[in-house]
Amino acid sequence: MKRPAADAAVLTGAVLFYGFMVLVSVGIARWLDAPLFVLRSEARWPVWQSAGAGAAAGLAVVLLSRQLTARFAWAKTMNGQFREILGIPSMRQATLLAGASAVAEELAFRGLLMSLLGPWWSSLLFAAAHVAPGRVTWHWTLFAGLLGVAFAKVTLLTGDLTAAMVAHFTVNYFNLLALEEG
């Protein structure tokens, strides 16, 4: 079976969207004089500790994702749907897409929206942003909501977005690469 390559136009559009999302988040935060939880001066953990905690948490979520995909038909079906939409990204494409989504979504949801609405509402909005077409994907929306709560809690614990961004990147990167396993 021929490997379905990732659609460059879809990936480019996603990265441009995430870039726009960063600009809007920063712009709104500056306009409202709202904090973004990104200032290292406010961090309670050293950057290496936050990054390490984020990587460990992200890898735990990736292992859970692999187990769900191996054991449940809905997870296999959902993986197939994402493969149809995205194709199979190369390592470079997965790095770019995972990095762009982690930075943009964490700035928007844990940075801006959490400072304005609190952790629960920002996590609910994060889940809503992860609604995808098809009935089988409600599991993904629920999973995203739970991760949103976890990312919010780690942001509040550490005082900045480093751990949440690294965890988010790790989850997205390895799960994008797992689309090939289908």
N, C-alpha and C. Protein backbone atom coordinates (compact mmCIF):
# COMPACT_ATOMS: atom_id res chain seq x y z
N MET A 1 0.84 -1.18 0.00
CA MET A 1 0.00 0.00 0.00
C MET A 1 0.88 1.24 0.00
N LYS A 2 0.58 2.16 -0.88
CA LYS A 2 1.36 3.39 -0.97
C LYS A 2 1.05 4.31 0.20
N ARG A 3 2.10 4.86 0.75
CA ARG A 3 1.98 5.79 1.88
C ARG A 3 1.31 7.07 1.40
N PRO A 4 0.14 7.46 1.96
CA PRO A 4 -0.50 8.71 1.55
C PRO A 4 0.24 9.90 2.15
N ALA A 5 0.92 10.64 1.30
CA ALA A 5 1.70 11.78 1.76
C ALA A 5 0.79 12.86 2.33
N ALA A 6 1.34 13.59 3.26
CA ALA A 6 0.59 14.70 3.84
C ALA A 6 0.30 15.73 2.77
N ASP A 7 -0.86 16.31 2.83
CA ASP A 7 -1.26 17.35 1.89
C ASP A 7 -0.56 18.64 2.30
N ALA A 8 0.38 19.10 1.47
CA ALA A 8 1.16 20.30 1.80
C ALA A 8 0.27 21.53 1.97
N ALA A 9 -0.78 21.63 1.18
CA ALA A 9 -1.67 22.78 1.30
C ALA A 9 -2.40 22.79 2.64
N VAL A 10 -2.84 21.62 3.09
CA VAL A 10 -3.52 21.52 4.38
C VAL A 10 -2.56 21.89 5.51
N LEU A 11 -1.35 21.35 5.46
CA LEU A 11 -0.37 21.64 6.50
C LEU A 11 0.05 23.11 6.49
N THR A 12 0.26 23.66 5.31
CA THR A 12 0.61 25.08 5.20
C THR A 12 -0.51 25.96 5.75
N GLY A 13 -1.74 25.63 5.39
CA GLY A 13 -2.89 26.38 5.91
C GLY A 13 -2.97 26.30 7.42
N ALA A 14 -2.71 25.13 7.97
CA ALA A 14 -2.75 24.97 9.43
C ALA A 14 -1.68 25.80 10.10
N VAL A 15 -0.48 25.77 9.58
CA VAL A 15 0.62 26.55 10.18
C VAL A 15 0.32 28.05 10.08
N LEU A 16 -0.21 28.50 8.95
CA LEU A 16 -0.58 29.91 8.81
C LEU A 16 -1.69 30.28 9.79
N PHE A 17 -2.65 29.40 9.95
CA PHE A 17 -3.72 29.63 10.92
C PHE A 17 -3.15 29.78 12.32
N TYR A 18 -2.24 28.88 12.70
CA TYR A 18 -1.65 28.95 14.03
C TYR A 18 -0.81 30.22 14.22
N GLY A 19 -0.13 30.64 13.16
CA GLY A 19 0.60 31.91 13.24
C GLY A 19 -0.34 33.08 13.48
N PHE A 20 -1.47 33.08 12.78
CA PHE A 20 -2.48 34.12 12.97
C PHE A 20 -3.04 34.06 14.39
N MET A 21 -3.23 32.85 14.90
CA MET A 21 -3.74 32.65 16.26
C MET A 21 -2.79 33.26 17.30
N VAL A 22 -1.49 33.11 17.09
CA VAL A 22 -0.51 33.71 18.00
C VAL A 22 -0.63 35.23 17.95
N LEU A 23 -0.69 35.80 16.75
CA LEU A 23 -0.78 37.25 16.61
C LEU A 23 -2.05 37.79 17.27
N VAL A 24 -3.17 37.12 17.08
CA VAL A 24 -4.43 37.56 17.68
C VAL A 24 -4.35 37.46 19.21
N SER A 25 -3.82 36.35 19.71
CA SER A 25 -3.72 36.18 21.17
C SER A 25 -2.86 37.25 21.80
N VAL A 26 -1.70 37.49 21.23
CA VAL A 26 -0.80 38.52 21.76
C VAL A 26 -1.43 39.90 21.61
N GLY A 27 -2.06 40.15 20.47
CA GLY A 27 -2.71 41.44 20.26
C GLY A 27 -3.83 41.71 21.26
N ILE A 28 -4.68 40.73 21.49
CA ILE A 28 -5.77 40.89 22.45
C ILE A 28 -5.22 41.07 23.86
N ALA A 29 -4.20 40.29 24.20
CA ALA A 29 -3.61 40.41 25.53
C ALA A 29 -3.03 41.81 25.75
N ARG A 30 -2.37 42.34 24.75
CA ARG A 30 -1.81 43.70 24.87
C ARG A 30 -2.93 44.73 24.94
N TRP A 31 -3.95 44.56 24.13
CA TRP A 31 -5.07 45.50 24.11
C TRP A 31 -5.80 45.54 25.45
N LEU A 32 -5.99 44.35 26.04
CA LEU A 32 -6.69 44.25 27.33
C LEU A 32 -5.74 44.36 28.53
N ASP A 33 -4.44 44.47 28.25
CA ASP A 33 -3.42 44.48 29.29
C ASP A 33 -3.56 43.24 30.18
N ALA A 34 -3.77 42.10 29.52
CA ALA A 34 -3.95 40.82 30.21
C ALA A 34 -2.63 40.04 30.17
N PRO A 35 -2.32 39.30 31.24
CA PRO A 35 -1.10 38.49 31.24
C PRO A 35 -1.25 37.28 30.32
N LEU A 36 -0.11 36.77 29.86
CA LEU A 36 -0.12 35.59 29.00
C LEU A 36 0.54 34.37 29.64
N PHE A 37 0.90 34.42 30.90
CA PHE A 37 1.57 33.31 31.58
C PHE A 37 2.83 32.87 30.86
N VAL A 38 3.56 33.77 30.26
CA VAL A 38 4.76 33.37 29.54
C VAL A 38 6.02 34.03 30.07
N LEU A 39 5.90 34.94 30.98
CA LEU A 39 7.08 35.64 31.49
C LEU A 39 7.88 34.72 32.41
N ARG A 40 9.12 34.46 32.05
CA ARG A 40 9.96 33.58 32.88
C ARG A 40 10.18 34.18 34.26
N SER A 41 10.07 35.51 34.38
CA SER A 41 10.26 36.13 35.68
C SER A 41 9.17 35.71 36.67
N GLU A 42 8.04 35.26 36.17
CA GLU A 42 6.95 34.81 37.03
C GLU A 42 6.97 33.30 37.25
N ALA A 43 7.86 32.60 36.56
CA ALA A 43 7.91 31.15 36.66
C ALA A 43 8.39 30.72 38.04
N ARG A 44 7.80 29.65 38.53
CA ARG A 44 8.18 29.11 39.82
C ARG A 44 9.14 27.92 39.68
N TRP A 45 9.27 27.40 38.48
CA TRP A 45 10.17 26.27 38.22
C TRP A 45 11.23 26.72 37.23
N PRO A 46 12.44 26.17 37.32
CA PRO A 46 13.45 26.45 36.28
C PRO A 46 12.96 25.91 34.93
N VAL A 47 13.40 26.54 33.86
CA VAL A 47 12.91 26.15 32.53
C VAL A 47 13.20 24.68 32.23
N TRP A 48 14.35 24.17 32.63
CA TRP A 48 14.68 22.76 32.35
C TRP A 48 13.73 21.82 33.08
N GLN A 49 13.31 22.21 34.29
CA GLN A 49 12.39 21.38 35.06
C GLN A 49 10.99 21.41 34.44
N SER A 50 10.55 22.58 34.02
CA SER A 50 9.24 22.68 33.35
C SER A 50 9.23 21.90 32.05
N ALA A 51 10.31 22.03 31.27
CA ALA A 51 10.39 21.32 29.99
C ALA A 51 10.43 19.81 30.21
N GLY A 52 11.19 19.37 31.21
CA GLY A 52 11.27 17.94 31.51
C GLY A 52 9.93 17.38 31.97
N ALA A 53 9.25 18.13 32.84
CA ALA A 53 7.93 17.69 33.30
C ALA A 53 6.95 17.63 32.14
N GLY A 54 7.01 18.62 31.25
CA GLY A 54 6.13 18.63 30.08
C GLY A 54 6.40 17.45 29.16
N ALA A 55 7.69 17.15 28.93
CA ALA A 55 8.04 16.01 28.06
C ALA A 55 7.56 14.70 28.68
N ALA A 56 7.76 14.53 29.99
CA ALA A 56 7.33 13.30 30.65
C ALA A 56 5.80 13.16 30.60
N ALA A 57 5.10 14.23 30.87
CA ALA A 57 3.64 14.19 30.82
C ALA A 57 3.16 13.90 29.40
N GLY A 58 3.78 14.56 28.43
CA GLY A 58 3.41 14.34 27.03
C GLY A 58 3.62 12.90 26.61
N LEU A 59 4.76 12.31 27.00
CA LEU A 59 5.02 10.92 26.65
C LEU A 59 4.03 9.97 27.31
N ALA A 60 3.61 10.28 28.53
CA ALA A 60 2.60 9.45 29.20
C ALA A 60 1.28 9.49 28.42
N VAL A 61 0.91 10.67 27.93
CA VAL A 61 -0.33 10.80 27.14
C VAL A 61 -0.18 10.05 25.81
N VAL A 62 0.99 10.11 25.19
CA VAL A 62 1.23 9.39 23.94
C VAL A 62 1.08 7.89 24.17
N LEU A 63 1.64 7.39 25.25
CA LEU A 63 1.51 5.95 25.56
C LEU A 63 0.04 5.58 25.78
N LEU A 64 -0.69 6.44 26.47
CA LEU A 64 -2.12 6.20 26.66
C LEU A 64 -2.85 6.20 25.31
N SER A 65 -2.51 7.14 24.45
CA SER A 65 -3.12 7.20 23.11
C SER A 65 -2.86 5.92 22.34
N ARG A 66 -1.62 5.40 22.41
CA ARG A 66 -1.27 4.17 21.71
C ARG A 66 -2.09 3.00 22.24
N GLN A 67 -2.26 2.95 23.56
CA GLN A 67 -3.05 1.87 24.16
C GLN A 67 -4.51 1.95 23.72
N LEU A 68 -5.05 3.15 23.71
CA LEU A 68 -6.44 3.32 23.27
C LEU A 68 -6.61 2.90 21.82
N THR A 69 -5.66 3.29 20.97
CA THR A 69 -5.74 2.94 19.55
C THR A 69 -5.61 1.44 19.35
N ALA A 70 -4.80 0.79 20.15
CA ALA A 70 -4.62 -0.66 20.02
C ALA A 70 -5.84 -1.43 20.51
N ARG A 71 -6.59 -0.88 21.47
CA ARG A 71 -7.65 -1.64 22.12
C ARG A 71 -9.06 -1.31 21.68
N PHE A 72 -9.29 -0.13 21.15
CA PHE A 72 -10.67 0.29 20.89
C PHE A 72 -10.88 0.65 19.42
N ALA A 73 -11.99 0.15 18.87
CA ALA A 73 -12.32 0.40 17.46
C ALA A 73 -12.52 1.89 17.20
N TRP A 74 -13.15 2.61 18.13
CA TRP A 74 -13.38 4.04 17.91
C TRP A 74 -12.06 4.79 17.77
N ALA A 75 -11.03 4.38 18.52
CA ALA A 75 -9.74 5.06 18.44
C ALA A 75 -9.06 4.75 17.10
N LYS A 76 -9.18 3.52 16.63
CA LYS A 76 -8.62 3.16 15.32
C LYS A 76 -9.33 3.92 14.21
N THR A 77 -10.64 4.02 14.32
CA THR A 77 -11.43 4.75 13.32
C THR A 77 -11.04 6.21 13.30
N MET A 78 -10.90 6.79 14.47
CA MET A 78 -10.53 8.20 14.57
C MET A 78 -9.13 8.43 13.98
N ASN A 79 -8.21 7.53 14.26
CA ASN A 79 -6.86 7.62 13.69
C ASN A 79 -6.95 7.61 12.16
N GLY A 80 -7.79 6.73 11.62
CA GLY A 80 -7.98 6.67 10.17
C GLY A 80 -8.57 7.95 9.60
N GLN A 81 -9.51 8.56 10.34
CA GLN A 81 -10.09 9.82 9.87
C GLN A 81 -9.04 10.93 9.81
N PHE A 82 -8.19 11.00 10.84
CA PHE A 82 -7.14 12.01 10.82
C PHE A 82 -6.14 11.75 9.70
N ARG A 83 -5.87 10.47 9.42
CA ARG A 83 -4.96 10.13 8.33
C ARG A 83 -5.55 10.56 6.99
N GLU A 84 -6.88 10.40 6.83
CA GLU A 84 -7.53 10.85 5.60
C GLU A 84 -7.45 12.36 5.44
N ILE A 85 -7.62 13.10 6.52
CA ILE A 85 -7.59 14.57 6.47
C ILE A 85 -6.17 15.09 6.25
N LEU A 86 -5.22 14.56 7.02
CA LEU A 86 -3.86 15.10 7.02
C LEU A 86 -2.89 14.35 6.12
N GLY A 87 -3.20 13.12 5.76
CA GLY A 87 -2.20 12.28 5.13
C GLY A 87 -1.22 11.84 6.21
N ILE A 88 -0.04 11.44 5.80
CA ILE A 88 0.98 11.03 6.77
C ILE A 88 2.13 12.03 6.68
N PRO A 89 2.25 12.86 7.70
CA PRO A 89 3.29 13.89 7.64
C PRO A 89 4.68 13.29 7.82
N SER A 90 5.65 13.92 7.18
CA SER A 90 7.05 13.56 7.40
C SER A 90 7.45 14.04 8.79
N MET A 91 8.63 13.67 9.25
CA MET A 91 9.10 14.13 10.56
C MET A 91 9.19 15.66 10.59
N ARG A 92 9.66 16.24 9.50
CA ARG A 92 9.76 17.70 9.42
C ARG A 92 8.39 18.36 9.49
N GLN A 93 7.44 17.81 8.74
CA GLN A 93 6.08 18.35 8.75
C GLN A 93 5.43 18.18 10.13
N ALA A 94 5.64 17.02 10.75
CA ALA A 94 5.08 16.78 12.08
C ALA A 94 5.69 17.74 13.10
N THR A 95 6.98 18.00 12.98
CA THR A 95 7.64 18.94 13.89
C THR A 95 7.06 20.33 13.74
N LEU A 96 6.90 20.77 12.51
CA LEU A 96 6.37 22.11 12.25
C LEU A 96 4.92 22.24 12.72
N LEU A 97 4.10 21.27 12.39
CA LEU A 97 2.69 21.32 12.77
C LEU A 97 2.52 21.19 14.29
N ALA A 98 3.24 20.27 14.91
CA ALA A 98 3.15 20.09 16.37
C ALA A 98 3.66 21.33 17.09
N GLY A 99 4.74 21.92 16.60
CA GLY A 99 5.27 23.13 17.23
C GLY A 99 4.34 24.31 17.09
N ALA A 100 3.81 24.51 15.90
CA ALA A 100 2.90 25.63 15.67
C ALA A 100 1.63 25.49 16.49
N SER A 101 1.07 24.28 16.54
CA SER A 101 -0.17 24.09 17.29
C SER A 101 0.07 24.21 18.79
N ALA A 102 1.18 23.69 19.29
CA ALA A 102 1.47 23.77 20.72
C ALA A 102 1.64 25.22 21.16
N VAL A 103 2.43 25.98 20.43
CA VAL A 103 2.68 27.38 20.80
C VAL A 103 1.39 28.19 20.69
N ALA A 104 0.70 28.08 19.58
CA ALA A 104 -0.50 28.90 19.35
C ALA A 104 -1.63 28.54 20.32
N GLU A 105 -1.91 27.26 20.47
CA GLU A 105 -3.02 26.86 21.32
C GLU A 105 -2.72 27.14 22.79
N GLU A 106 -1.49 26.94 23.22
CA GLU A 106 -1.17 27.24 24.62
C GLU A 106 -1.20 28.74 24.89
N LEU A 107 -0.70 29.55 23.96
CA LEU A 107 -0.81 31.00 24.14
C LEU A 107 -2.27 31.43 24.21
N ALA A 108 -3.09 30.88 23.33
CA ALA A 108 -4.50 31.28 23.28
C ALA A 108 -5.29 30.77 24.48
N PHE A 109 -5.20 29.47 24.75
CA PHE A 109 -6.08 28.88 25.75
C PHE A 109 -5.54 28.97 27.18
N ARG A 110 -4.28 28.61 27.40
CA ARG A 110 -3.72 28.71 28.75
C ARG A 110 -3.13 30.08 29.00
N GLY A 111 -2.64 30.74 27.98
CA GLY A 111 -2.07 32.07 28.17
C GLY A 111 -3.14 33.13 28.31
N LEU A 112 -3.85 33.40 27.24
CA LEU A 112 -4.83 34.49 27.22
C LEU A 112 -6.15 34.12 27.90
N LEU A 113 -6.81 33.08 27.40
CA LEU A 113 -8.16 32.77 27.90
C LEU A 113 -8.19 32.34 29.36
N MET A 114 -7.16 31.62 29.80
CA MET A 114 -7.15 31.22 31.21
C MET A 114 -6.99 32.44 32.11
N SER A 115 -6.20 33.43 31.66
CA SER A 115 -6.04 34.63 32.49
C SER A 115 -7.33 35.45 32.53
N LEU A 116 -8.16 35.34 31.49
CA LEU A 116 -9.42 36.09 31.44
C LEU A 116 -10.60 35.32 32.02
N LEU A 117 -10.67 34.00 31.78
CA LEU A 117 -11.85 33.21 32.12
C LEU A 117 -11.63 32.15 33.19
N GLY A 118 -10.39 31.86 33.51
CA GLY A 118 -10.08 30.82 34.47
C GLY A 118 -9.81 29.48 33.80
N PRO A 119 -9.30 28.52 34.56
CA PRO A 119 -8.89 27.24 33.96
C PRO A 119 -10.03 26.40 33.42
N TRP A 120 -11.20 26.42 34.05
CA TRP A 120 -12.29 25.55 33.60
C TRP A 120 -12.90 26.02 32.29
N TRP A 121 -13.19 27.31 32.19
CA TRP A 121 -13.77 27.83 30.95
C TRP A 121 -12.79 27.75 29.80
N SER A 122 -11.51 28.04 30.06
CA SER A 122 -10.52 27.95 28.98
C SER A 122 -10.37 26.51 28.50
N SER A 123 -10.49 25.55 29.42
CA SER A 123 -10.40 24.13 29.05
C SER A 123 -11.63 23.69 28.28
N LEU A 124 -12.79 24.20 28.65
CA LEU A 124 -14.02 23.90 27.92
C LEU A 124 -13.93 24.45 26.48
N LEU A 125 -13.41 25.65 26.34
CA LEU A 125 -13.24 26.23 25.01
C LEU A 125 -12.19 25.46 24.21
N PHE A 126 -11.15 24.97 24.89
CA PHE A 126 -10.13 24.15 24.23
C PHE A 126 -10.77 22.87 23.68
N ALA A 127 -11.62 22.25 24.49
CA ALA A 127 -12.33 21.05 24.03
C ALA A 127 -13.21 21.38 22.83
N ALA A 128 -13.94 22.50 22.91
CA ALA A 128 -14.82 22.90 21.81
C ALA A 128 -14.03 23.16 20.53
N ALA A 129 -12.82 23.66 20.66
CA ALA A 129 -11.98 23.89 19.48
C ALA A 129 -11.50 22.58 18.85
N HIS A 130 -11.65 21.49 19.58
CA HIS A 130 -11.23 20.18 19.08
C HIS A 130 -12.41 19.29 18.70
N VAL A 131 -13.53 19.91 18.36
CA VAL A 131 -14.65 19.17 17.81
C VAL A 131 -14.36 18.94 16.33
N ALA A 132 -14.42 17.70 15.93
CA ALA A 132 -14.15 17.35 14.54
C ALA A 132 -15.39 16.70 13.94
N PRO A 133 -15.48 16.67 12.62
CA PRO A 133 -16.65 16.06 12.00
C PRO A 133 -16.72 14.56 12.29
N GLY A 134 -17.91 14.07 12.44
CA GLY A 134 -18.11 12.64 12.64
C GLY A 134 -18.40 12.33 14.10
N ARG A 135 -19.29 11.37 14.30
CA ARG A 135 -19.69 11.02 15.66
C ARG A 135 -18.58 10.36 16.45
N VAL A 136 -17.69 9.64 15.79
CA VAL A 136 -16.65 8.90 16.51
C VAL A 136 -15.64 9.84 17.17
N THR A 137 -15.56 11.06 16.74
CA THR A 137 -14.53 11.96 17.26
C THR A 137 -14.90 12.65 18.57
N TRP A 138 -16.07 12.37 19.13
CA TRP A 138 -16.40 12.98 20.42
C TRP A 138 -15.42 12.54 21.49
N HIS A 139 -14.82 11.35 21.32
CA HIS A 139 -13.81 10.89 22.27
C HIS A 139 -12.60 11.84 22.25
N TRP A 140 -12.24 12.29 21.05
CA TRP A 140 -11.11 13.21 20.90
C TRP A 140 -11.42 14.53 21.59
N THR A 141 -12.64 15.01 21.44
CA THR A 141 -13.05 16.26 22.09
C THR A 141 -12.97 16.12 23.61
N LEU A 142 -13.47 15.02 24.14
CA LEU A 142 -13.41 14.77 25.58
C LEU A 142 -11.95 14.68 26.04
N PHE A 143 -11.14 13.93 25.32
CA PHE A 143 -9.72 13.78 25.64
C PHE A 143 -9.03 15.15 25.63
N ALA A 144 -9.33 15.97 24.62
CA ALA A 144 -8.75 17.31 24.55
C ALA A 144 -9.17 18.16 25.74
N GLY A 145 -10.42 18.04 26.13
CA GLY A 145 -10.89 18.79 27.30
C GLY A 145 -10.16 18.39 28.57
N LEU A 146 -9.96 17.10 28.76
CA LEU A 146 -9.22 16.62 29.93
C LEU A 146 -7.77 17.07 29.89
N LEU A 147 -7.17 17.02 28.71
CA LEU A 147 -5.80 17.53 28.57
C LEU A 147 -5.75 19.03 28.82
N GLY A 148 -6.79 19.74 28.39
CA GLY A 148 -6.86 21.18 28.64
C GLY A 148 -6.83 21.49 30.13
N VAL A 149 -7.58 20.72 30.91
CA VAL A 149 -7.58 20.89 32.36
C VAL A 149 -6.18 20.59 32.92
N ALA A 150 -5.57 19.51 32.46
CA ALA A 150 -4.22 19.15 32.93
C ALA A 150 -3.21 20.23 32.55
N PHE A 151 -3.28 20.72 31.32
CA PHE A 151 -2.36 21.77 30.89
C PHE A 151 -2.58 23.05 31.70
N ALA A 152 -3.83 23.35 32.03
CA ALA A 152 -4.13 24.53 32.85
C ALA A 152 -3.54 24.38 34.25
N LYS A 153 -3.71 23.20 34.83
CA LYS A 153 -3.19 22.97 36.18
C LYS A 153 -1.66 23.07 36.21
N VAL A 154 -0.99 22.49 35.21
CA VAL A 154 0.47 22.56 35.20
C VAL A 154 0.95 23.99 34.95
N THR A 155 0.20 24.75 34.18
CA THR A 155 0.55 26.16 33.97
C THR A 155 0.42 26.94 35.27
N LEU A 156 -0.63 26.70 36.01
CA LEU A 156 -0.80 27.37 37.30
C LEU A 156 0.27 26.93 38.29
N LEU A 157 0.64 25.66 38.26
CA LEU A 157 1.65 25.13 39.17
C LEU A 157 3.04 25.71 38.88
N THR A 158 3.41 25.76 37.61
CA THR A 158 4.76 26.20 37.24
C THR A 158 4.87 27.71 37.07
N GLY A 159 3.77 28.37 36.80
CA GLY A 159 3.78 29.82 36.63
C GLY A 159 4.06 30.29 35.22
N ASP A 160 4.23 29.37 34.29
CA ASP A 160 4.42 29.77 32.89
C ASP A 160 3.94 28.65 31.97
N LEU A 161 4.10 28.87 30.66
CA LEU A 161 3.56 27.93 29.67
C LEU A 161 4.55 26.86 29.20
N THR A 162 5.76 26.85 29.71
CA THR A 162 6.78 25.93 29.19
C THR A 162 6.33 24.47 29.25
N ALA A 163 5.93 23.99 30.43
CA ALA A 163 5.55 22.58 30.56
C ALA A 163 4.35 22.24 29.68
N ALA A 164 3.36 23.12 29.64
CA ALA A 164 2.17 22.85 28.82
C ALA A 164 2.54 22.83 27.33
N MET A 165 3.39 23.76 26.90
CA MET A 165 3.79 23.78 25.49
C MET A 165 4.58 22.53 25.11
N VAL A 166 5.51 22.12 25.97
CA VAL A 166 6.32 20.93 25.68
C VAL A 166 5.45 19.68 25.69
N ALA A 167 4.53 19.56 26.65
CA ALA A 167 3.63 18.41 26.69
C ALA A 167 2.75 18.38 25.44
N HIS A 168 2.19 19.53 25.08
CA HIS A 168 1.32 19.64 23.91
C HIS A 168 2.09 19.26 22.64
N PHE A 169 3.31 19.79 22.49
CA PHE A 169 4.14 19.45 21.34
C PHE A 169 4.39 17.95 21.29
N THR A 170 4.76 17.37 22.41
CA THR A 170 5.09 15.94 22.47
C THR A 170 3.90 15.08 22.05
N VAL A 171 2.73 15.40 22.58
CA VAL A 171 1.51 14.65 22.24
C VAL A 171 1.23 14.76 20.74
N ASN A 172 1.23 15.99 20.23
CA ASN A 172 0.91 16.18 18.81
C ASN A 172 1.95 15.56 17.90
N TYR A 173 3.22 15.75 18.21
CA TYR A 173 4.30 15.24 17.35
C TYR A 173 4.22 13.72 17.21
N PHE A 174 4.20 13.03 18.34
CA PHE A 174 4.22 11.56 18.26
C PHE A 174 2.90 11.00 17.74
N ASN A 175 1.79 11.65 18.02
CA ASN A 175 0.52 11.17 17.49
C ASN A 175 0.39 11.45 15.99
N LEU A 176 0.99 12.54 15.51
CA LEU A 176 1.03 12.77 14.06
C LEU A 176 1.86 11.69 13.38
N LEU A 177 3.01 11.36 13.95
CA LEU A 177 3.84 10.31 13.36
C LEU A 177 3.15 8.95 13.43
N ALA A 178 2.30 8.74 14.42
CA ALA A 178 1.60 7.46 14.57
C ALA A 178 0.52 7.26 13.51
N LEU A 179 0.17 8.31 12.78
CA LEU A 179 -0.84 8.15 11.73
C LEU A 179 -0.40 7.12 10.70
N GLU A 180 0.90 6.95 10.53
CA GLU A 180 1.41 5.96 9.58
C GLU A 180 1.10 4.54 10.01
N GLU A 181 1.00 4.32 11.32
CA GLU A 181 0.76 2.99 11.85
C GLU A 181 -0.65 2.50 11.55
N GLY A 182 -1.57 3.44 11.40
CA GLY A 182 -2.95 3.26 11.07
C GLY A 182 -3.54 1.93 11.19
